[in-house]
Amino acid sequence: MTCFSLAQRFVGIREIAGGRDHPLIQYCFMLCGFDSETHDEVPWCSAFVQLPPFLLGLPRSRSARARHNLLVGLPIELDVAEAKNDLVIITRGSGQQPGPEDTDAQGHVGWYAGLHAGKILILGGNQSNGVTIEAFDHTRILGIRRLARAIS
């Protein structure tokens, strides 16, 4: 089992409109230190990517900030990325964005799902208000990180 294969099981999970919140999204926030009342309208891409490594005993950022995932795992290049335990961290927003050294700036994170038509595919949460696989321009990549168990 990999982080990607585990995350794939949640494709289709969506925010609940109105006054209710999806309990899985709230649980993901709890893995980041938030309380169980955190609303699913709060950006939750990084909260979602905490779930698979938590369940598999892999290192994780424990943060709801997307760019904090640049601080976990091993940096790898796009040409060796795999749809297994590889996270992709990209910019969010329009206009000039800070580089990867600014881990507190806004960003987006999800699991590497491949390449298609010159775009990077990301399996992630908070994509169109749900867990989906979507394509992003590869020029937005801030970093790719491979999660692995520590060798002892």
C-alpha atoms as a PDB file:
ATOM      1  CA  MET A   1       0.000   0.000   0.000  1.00  0.00           C
ATOM      2  CA  THR A   2       1.244   3.487  -0.857  1.00  0.00           C
ATOM      3  CA  CYS A   3       0.084   6.966   0.088  1.00  0.00           C
ATOM      4  CA  PHE A   4      -1.214   7.395  -3.452  1.00  0.00           C
ATOM      5  CA  SER A   5      -3.232   4.151  -3.446  1.00  0.00           C
ATOM      6  CA  LEU A   6      -4.694   5.005  -0.051  1.00  0.00           C
ATOM      7  CA  ALA A   7      -5.548   8.592  -1.068  1.00  0.00           C
ATOM      8  CA  GLN A   8      -7.188   7.266  -4.257  1.00  0.00           C
ATOM      9  CA  ARG A   9      -9.820   5.546  -2.110  1.00  0.00           C
ATOM     10  CA  PHE A  10     -11.100   8.975  -1.057  1.00  0.00           C
ATOM     11  CA  VAL A  11     -11.631  10.380  -4.576  1.00  0.00           C
ATOM     12  CA  GLY A  12     -15.152  11.772  -4.625  1.00  0.00           C
ATOM     13  CA  ILE A  13     -15.190  12.995  -1.001  1.00  0.00           C
ATOM     14  CA  ARG A  14     -16.581  16.530  -1.132  1.00  0.00           C
ATOM     15  CA  GLU A  15     -17.209  19.446   1.186  1.00  0.00           C
ATOM     16  CA  ILE A  16     -20.774  19.523   2.487  1.00  0.00           C
ATOM     17  CA  ALA A  17     -22.640  22.712   1.592  1.00  0.00           C
ATOM     18  CA  GLY A  18     -24.433  24.655   4.281  1.00  0.00           C
ATOM     19  CA  GLY A  19     -23.919  24.324   8.009  1.00  0.00           C
ATOM     20  CA  ARG A  20     -22.600  20.745   7.992  1.00  0.00           C
ATOM     21  CA  ASP A  21     -19.006  19.628   7.476  1.00  0.00           C
ATOM     22  CA  HIS A  22     -17.551  16.408   6.114  1.00  0.00           C
ATOM     23  CA  PRO A  23     -16.258  14.341   9.055  1.00  0.00           C
ATOM     24  CA  LEU A  24     -13.264  12.984   7.115  1.00  0.00           C
ATOM     25  CA  ILE A  25     -12.079  16.499   6.301  1.00  0.00           C
ATOM     26  CA  GLN A  26     -12.512  17.468   9.949  1.00  0.00           C
ATOM     27  CA  TYR A  27     -10.495  14.389  10.982  1.00  0.00           C
ATOM     28  CA  CYS A  28      -7.708  15.414   8.596  1.00  0.00           C
ATOM     29  CA  PHE A  29      -7.634  18.831  10.288  1.00  0.00           C
ATOM     30  CA  MET A  30      -7.361  17.107  13.664  1.00  0.00           C
ATOM     31  CA  LEU A  31      -4.173  15.394  12.383  1.00  0.00           C
ATOM     32  CA  CYS A  32      -2.797  18.953  12.052  1.00  0.00           C
ATOM     33  CA  GLY A  33      -3.730  19.983  15.595  1.00  0.00           C
ATOM     34  CA  PHE A  34      -7.054  21.682  14.802  1.00  0.00           C
ATOM     35  CA  ASP A  35     -10.202  20.942  16.791  1.00  0.00           C
ATOM     36  CA  SER A  36     -13.073  18.798  15.524  1.00  0.00           C
ATOM     37  CA  GLU A  37     -15.176  21.881  14.757  1.00  0.00           C
ATOM     38  CA  THR A  38     -12.944  23.147  11.912  1.00  0.00           C
ATOM     39  CA  HIS A  39     -15.153  23.795   8.889  1.00  0.00           C
ATOM     40  CA  ASP A  40     -14.551  22.038   5.595  1.00  0.00           C
ATOM     41  CA  GLU A  41     -14.546  25.396   3.787  1.00  0.00           C
ATOM     42  CA  VAL A  42     -11.120  26.168   5.318  1.00  0.00           C
ATOM     43  CA  PRO A  43      -8.389  25.284   2.757  1.00  0.00           C
ATOM     44  CA  TRP A  44      -7.690  21.618   3.443  1.00  0.00           C
ATOM     45  CA  CYS A  45      -5.283  20.319   0.789  1.00  0.00           C
ATOM     46  CA  SER A  46      -2.437  19.887   3.276  1.00  0.00           C
ATOM     47  CA  ALA A  47      -4.705  18.489   5.969  1.00  0.00           C
ATOM     48  CA  PHE A  48      -5.812  15.806   3.488  1.00  0.00           C
ATOM     49  CA  VAL A  49      -2.253  14.775   2.568  1.00  0.00           C
ATOM     50  CA  GLN A  50      -1.528  14.113   6.253  1.00  0.00           C
ATOM     51  CA  LEU A  51      -3.943  11.165   6.343  1.00  0.00           C
ATOM     52  CA  PRO A  52      -2.141   8.532   4.198  1.00  0.00           C
ATOM     53  CA  PRO A  53       1.314   8.929   5.798  1.00  0.00           C
ATOM     54  CA  PHE A  54      -0.302   8.955   9.257  1.00  0.00           C
ATOM     55  CA  LEU A  55      -2.034   5.642   8.510  1.00  0.00           C
ATOM     56  CA  LEU A  56       1.094   4.139   6.923  1.00  0.00           C
ATOM     57  CA  GLY A  57       3.566   5.316   9.571  1.00  0.00           C
ATOM     58  CA  LEU A  58       5.489   7.593   7.206  1.00  0.00           C
ATOM     59  CA  PRO A  59       6.890  11.034   8.025  1.00  0.00           C
ATOM     60  CA  ARG A  60       4.515  13.963   7.491  1.00  0.00           C
ATOM     61  CA  SER A  61       4.507  17.693   8.049  1.00  0.00           C
ATOM     62  CA  ARG A  62       1.609  17.641  10.561  1.00  0.00           C
ATOM     63  CA  SER A  63       0.674  21.046   9.145  1.00  0.00           C
ATOM     64  CA  ALA A  64      -2.322  22.467   7.315  1.00  0.00           C
ATOM     65  CA  ARG A  65       0.045  24.817   5.431  1.00  0.00           C
ATOM     66  CA  ALA A  66       0.764  23.401   1.973  1.00  0.00           C
ATOM     67  CA  ARG A  67       4.330  24.684   1.736  1.00  0.00           C
ATOM     68  CA  HIS A  68       5.303  23.098   5.067  1.00  0.00           C
ATOM     69  CA  ASN A  69       5.350  19.831   3.108  1.00  0.00           C
ATOM     70  CA  LEU A  70       8.543  21.122   1.469  1.00  0.00           C
ATOM     71  CA  LEU A  71      10.230  20.366   4.811  1.00  0.00           C
ATOM     72  CA  VAL A  72       9.414  16.637   4.976  1.00  0.00           C
ATOM     73  CA  GLY A  73      10.785  13.673   3.053  1.00  0.00           C
ATOM     74  CA  LEU A  74      13.493  13.709   0.426  1.00  0.00           C
ATOM     75  CA  PRO A  75      13.584  16.196  -2.462  1.00  0.00           C
ATOM     76  CA  ILE A  76      13.325  14.544  -5.870  1.00  0.00           C
ATOM     77  CA  GLU A  77      13.109  15.712  -9.465  1.00  0.00           C
ATOM     78  CA  LEU A  78      10.005  15.459 -11.641  1.00  0.00           C
ATOM     79  CA  ASP A  79      11.613  12.920 -13.990  1.00  0.00           C
ATOM     80  CA  VAL A  80      11.822  10.321 -11.182  1.00  0.00           C
ATOM     81  CA  ALA A  81       8.474  11.075  -9.491  1.00  0.00           C
ATOM     82  CA  GLU A  82       6.101   8.146  -9.018  1.00  0.00           C
ATOM     83  CA  ALA A  83       2.448   7.766  -8.083  1.00  0.00           C
ATOM     84  CA  LYS A  84       3.396   6.149  -4.777  1.00  0.00           C
ATOM     85  CA  ASN A  85       4.641   8.285  -1.880  1.00  0.00           C
ATOM     86  CA  ASP A  86       5.606  11.461  -3.767  1.00  0.00           C
ATOM     87  CA  LEU A  87       4.082  14.824  -2.821  1.00  0.00           C
ATOM     88  CA  VAL A  88       3.937  17.752  -5.237  1.00  0.00           C
ATOM     89  CA  ILE A  89       3.908  21.262  -3.790  1.00  0.00           C
ATOM     90  CA  ILE A  90       2.866  24.045  -6.175  1.00  0.00           C
ATOM     91  CA  THR A  91       2.157  27.759  -6.064  1.00  0.00           C
ATOM     92  CA  ARG A  92      -1.356  29.029  -5.450  1.00  0.00           C
ATOM     93  CA  GLY A  93      -2.793  32.254  -6.726  1.00  0.00           C
ATOM     94  CA  SER A  94      -1.975  34.482  -9.639  1.00  0.00           C
ATOM     95  CA  GLY A  95       0.868  36.876 -10.278  1.00  0.00           C
ATOM     96  CA  GLN A  96       4.386  36.690  -8.928  1.00  0.00           C
ATOM     97  CA  GLN A  97       4.710  34.061  -6.190  1.00  0.00           C
ATOM     98  CA  PRO A  98       7.472  33.589  -3.617  1.00  0.00           C
ATOM     99  CA  GLY A  99       9.895  30.721  -4.123  1.00  0.00           C
ATOM    100  CA  PRO A 100      10.054  27.478  -2.136  1.00  0.00           C
ATOM    101  CA  GLU A 101      12.120  29.096   0.616  1.00  0.00           C
ATOM    102  CA  ASP A 102       8.966  30.907   1.839  1.00  0.00           C
ATOM    103  CA  THR A 103       7.192  28.007   3.526  1.00  0.00           C
ATOM    104  CA  ASP A 104       4.518  30.251   5.055  1.00  0.00           C
ATOM    105  CA  ALA A 105       3.247  31.631   1.727  1.00  0.00           C
ATOM    106  CA  GLN A 106       0.115  30.167   0.176  1.00  0.00           C
ATOM    107  CA  GLY A 107       0.462  27.029  -1.881  1.00  0.00           C
ATOM    108  CA  HIS A 108      -1.208  23.774  -2.833  1.00  0.00           C
ATOM    109  CA  VAL A 109      -0.135  20.177  -2.219  1.00  0.00           C
ATOM    110  CA  GLY A 110      -1.209  16.728  -3.327  1.00  0.00           C
ATOM    111  CA  TRP A 111       0.036  13.326  -4.425  1.00  0.00           C
ATOM    112  CA  TYR A 112       1.856  12.974  -7.738  1.00  0.00           C
ATOM    113  CA  ALA A 113      -0.486  11.190 -10.180  1.00  0.00           C
ATOM    114  CA  GLY A 114       1.503  11.451 -13.415  1.00  0.00           C
ATOM    115  CA  LEU A 115       1.912  13.721 -16.425  1.00  0.00           C
ATOM    116  CA  HIS A 116      -0.573  14.378 -19.195  1.00  0.00           C
ATOM    117  CA  ALA A 117      -0.358  16.766 -22.149  1.00  0.00           C
ATOM    118  CA  GLY A 118       2.489  18.723 -20.569  1.00  0.00           C
ATOM    119  CA  LYS A 119       0.686  19.123 -17.246  1.00  0.00           C
ATOM    120  CA  ILE A 120       1.331  17.528 -13.870  1.00  0.00           C
ATOM    121  CA  LEU A 121      -1.547  15.492 -12.452  1.00  0.00           C
ATOM    122  CA  ILE A 122      -2.181  15.861  -8.728  1.00  0.00           C
ATOM    123  CA  LEU A 123      -4.426  13.717  -6.553  1.00  0.00           C
ATOM    124  CA  GLY A 124      -5.435  16.067  -3.790  1.00  0.00           C
ATOM    125  CA  GLY A 125      -8.020  17.464  -1.465  1.00  0.00           C
ATOM    126  CA  ASN A 126      -9.645  20.875  -1.781  1.00  0.00           C
ATOM    127  CA  GLN A 127      -9.529  20.630  -5.565  1.00  0.00           C
ATOM    128  CA  SER A 128     -12.919  21.834  -6.827  1.00  0.00           C
ATOM    129  CA  ASN A 129     -14.101  21.401  -3.200  1.00  0.00           C
ATOM    130  CA  GLY A 130     -13.338  17.685  -3.170  1.00  0.00           C
ATOM    131  CA  VAL A 131     -10.762  14.945  -3.521  1.00  0.00           C
ATOM    132  CA  THR A 132      -9.975  14.749  -7.245  1.00  0.00           C
ATOM    133  CA  ILE A 133      -7.172  14.305  -9.733  1.00  0.00           C
ATOM    134  CA  GLU A 134      -6.558  17.568 -11.584  1.00  0.00           C
ATOM    135  CA  ALA A 135      -3.964  18.891 -14.019  1.00  0.00           C
ATOM    136  CA  PHE A 136      -1.707  21.851 -13.192  1.00  0.00           C
ATOM    137  CA  ASP A 137       0.959  23.672 -15.183  1.00  0.00           C
ATOM    138  CA  HIS A 138       4.352  22.154 -14.327  1.00  0.00           C
ATOM    139  CA  THR A 139       5.853  25.670 -14.061  1.00  0.00           C
ATOM    140  CA  ARG A 140       3.983  26.049 -10.750  1.00  0.00           C
ATOM    141  CA  ILE A 141       5.995  23.276  -9.047  1.00  0.00           C
ATOM    142  CA  LEU A 142       7.836  24.437  -5.930  1.00  0.00           C
ATOM    143  CA  GLY A 143       9.115  20.999  -5.028  1.00  0.00           C
ATOM    144  CA  ILE A 144       8.488  17.274  -5.053  1.00  0.00           C
ATOM    145  CA  ARG A 145       9.118  15.292  -1.878  1.00  0.00           C
ATOM    146  CA  ARG A 146       9.340  11.518  -1.456  1.00  0.00           C
ATOM    147  CA  LEU A 147       8.152  10.171   1.863  1.00  0.00           C
ATOM    148  CA  ALA A 148       9.997   7.114   3.149  1.00  0.00           C
ATOM    149  CA  ARG A 149      10.502   5.283   6.395  1.00  0.00           C
ATOM    150  CA  ALA A 150      13.716   6.084   8.189  1.00  0.00           C
ATOM    151  CA  ILE A 151      16.389   3.402   7.900  1.00  0.00           C
ATOM    152  CA  SER A 152      17.541   2.244  11.307  1.00  0.00           C
END
